[in-house]
Amino acid sequence: QVQLVESGGGLVQPGGSLRLSCVASGSIFSINAMGWYRQAPGKQRELVARITNGGSTNYADSVKGRFTISRDNAKNTAYLQMNSLKPEDTAVYYCLIRLIRGGYYDYWGQGTQVTVSS
């Protein structure tokens, strides 16, 4: 079994910054990618940023230039640095880890709330 623990969410004013962390533990055999998704009330969950085992990244258009995803492979940890936050960034942020062994196996964290408000 795989466990993901997210941290770093909270309340921040518009223009502020937050750094989310996601630590993976358990039966981690081979990581294909890690990513961050978010879900705002009444909306579908959407991809925010993703980083592959090789270090390739992709971002949602709405966060490009403001958010940065990174990984510490030795610690099985992913980070999401969020700068210039906007009220529309308010959502529950979820970490995803995709493992590969014959096929793909996805595991989700429990989510961390990010609220951008003055």
Protein backbone atom coordinates (compact mmCIF):
# COMPACT_ATOMS: atom_id res chain seq x y z
CA GLN A 1 0.00 0.00 0.00
CA VAL A 2 1.06 3.56 -0.67
CA GLN A 3 0.40 6.57 1.54
CA LEU A 4 0.61 10.22 0.55
CA VAL A 5 0.67 12.99 3.11
CA GLU A 6 0.20 16.57 1.94
CA SER A 7 0.98 19.66 3.95
CA GLY A 8 1.46 23.39 3.52
CA GLY A 9 -2.03 24.57 2.73
CA GLY A 10 -3.72 27.45 4.46
CA LEU A 11 -5.15 30.94 4.16
CA VAL A 12 -3.15 33.53 2.24
CA GLN A 13 -3.87 36.97 0.86
CA PRO A 14 -3.96 37.62 -2.89
CA GLY A 15 -0.43 38.00 -4.19
CA GLY A 16 0.97 35.81 -1.45
CA SER A 17 2.82 32.50 -1.61
CA LEU A 18 2.48 28.99 -0.27
CA ARG A 19 4.54 25.85 -0.62
CA LEU A 20 2.82 22.50 -0.64
CA SER A 21 4.62 19.26 0.16
CA CYS A 22 3.64 15.67 -0.59
CA VAL A 23 5.51 12.80 1.02
CA ALA A 24 5.00 9.30 -0.34
CA SER A 25 5.64 6.19 1.74
CA GLY A 26 4.89 2.49 1.68
CA SER A 27 5.30 0.07 -1.21
CA ILE A 28 6.81 2.49 -3.70
CA PHE A 29 8.32 0.33 -6.38
CA SER A 30 8.84 2.60 -9.36
CA ILE A 31 7.61 6.16 -9.65
CA ASN A 32 6.51 7.24 -13.09
CA ALA A 33 5.31 10.70 -12.12
CA MET A 34 3.98 12.86 -9.32
CA GLY A 35 1.50 15.64 -9.68
CA TRP A 36 -0.77 18.14 -8.06
CA TYR A 37 -4.45 18.49 -8.84
CA ARG A 38 -7.05 20.80 -7.39
CA GLN A 39 -10.79 20.87 -7.00
CA ALA A 40 -12.80 23.97 -6.28
CA PRO A 41 -16.39 23.80 -4.99
CA GLY A 42 -18.77 22.83 -7.78
CA LYS A 43 -15.96 22.14 -10.23
CA GLN A 44 -14.20 19.07 -11.52
CA ARG A 45 -10.75 18.11 -10.32
CA GLU A 46 -8.12 19.52 -12.64
CA LEU A 47 -4.42 19.07 -13.21
CA VAL A 48 -2.27 21.85 -11.79
CA ALA A 49 1.24 20.55 -12.39
CA ARG A 50 3.00 17.28 -13.05
CA ILE A 51 6.59 16.10 -12.97
CA THR A 52 7.90 12.86 -14.40
CA ASN A 53 10.64 10.68 -12.99
CA GLY A 54 12.94 12.17 -15.58
CA GLY A 55 12.16 15.69 -14.45
CA SER A 56 9.88 16.79 -17.28
CA THR A 57 7.13 19.12 -16.14
CA ASN A 58 3.83 20.38 -17.43
CA TYR A 59 1.46 22.97 -16.00
CA ALA A 60 -2.09 24.15 -16.38
CA ASP A 61 -2.17 27.35 -18.41
CA SER A 62 -3.75 29.18 -15.49
CA VAL A 63 -0.70 28.65 -13.26
CA LYS A 64 2.18 28.90 -15.72
CA GLY A 65 4.76 31.40 -14.55
CA ARG A 66 3.36 31.42 -11.01
CA PHE A 67 3.62 27.82 -9.78
CA THR A 68 6.64 25.54 -9.80
CA ILE A 69 6.62 21.81 -9.20
CA SER A 70 9.73 20.00 -8.02
CA ARG A 71 10.77 16.66 -6.58
CA ASP A 72 13.25 15.19 -4.14
CA ASN A 73 13.59 11.65 -5.45
CA ALA A 74 15.60 10.47 -2.46
CA LYS A 75 12.76 11.50 -0.15
CA ASN A 76 9.87 10.49 -2.45
CA THR A 77 8.60 14.01 -1.98
CA ALA A 78 7.01 16.47 -4.37
CA TYR A 79 6.63 20.18 -3.83
CA LEU A 80 4.44 22.86 -5.32
CA GLN A 81 5.68 26.41 -4.91
CA MET A 82 2.77 28.76 -5.48
CA ASN A 83 3.47 32.46 -5.98
CA SER A 84 1.27 35.40 -6.90
CA LEU A 85 -1.75 33.56 -5.65
CA LYS A 86 -5.18 34.63 -6.83
CA PRO A 87 -8.64 34.08 -5.32
CA GLU A 88 -9.38 31.70 -8.20
CA ASP A 89 -6.59 29.44 -6.94
CA THR A 90 -8.76 28.62 -3.94
CA ALA A 91 -9.38 24.87 -3.89
CA VAL A 92 -8.50 21.62 -2.22
CA TYR A 93 -5.14 20.53 -3.62
CA TYR A 94 -4.47 16.83 -4.04
CA CYS A 95 -1.21 15.03 -4.60
CA LEU A 96 -1.06 12.12 -7.03
CA ILE A 97 1.68 9.54 -7.43
CA ARG A 98 1.74 7.26 -10.46
CA LEU A 99 3.68 4.05 -10.06
CA ILE A 100 4.58 1.70 -12.85
CA ARG A 101 5.10 -2.05 -12.74
CA GLY A 102 3.60 -3.78 -15.73
CA GLY A 103 0.84 -1.19 -15.65
CA TYR A 104 0.13 2.17 -14.04
CA TYR A 105 -1.06 2.51 -10.45
CA ASP A 106 -2.37 5.85 -9.18
CA TYR A 107 -2.59 6.87 -5.53
CA TRP A 108 -4.10 10.06 -4.12
CA GLY A 109 -3.45 12.06 -1.00
CA GLN A 110 -6.21 13.28 1.29
CA GLY A 111 -5.99 16.86 0.06
CA THR A 112 -5.01 20.15 1.61
CA GLN A 113 -7.11 23.31 1.54
CA VAL A 114 -5.71 26.45 -0.05
CA THR A 115 -7.75 29.61 0.42
CA VAL A 116 -6.75 32.89 -1.20
CA SER A 117 -8.71 35.76 0.27
CA SER A 118 -8.24 39.21 1.72
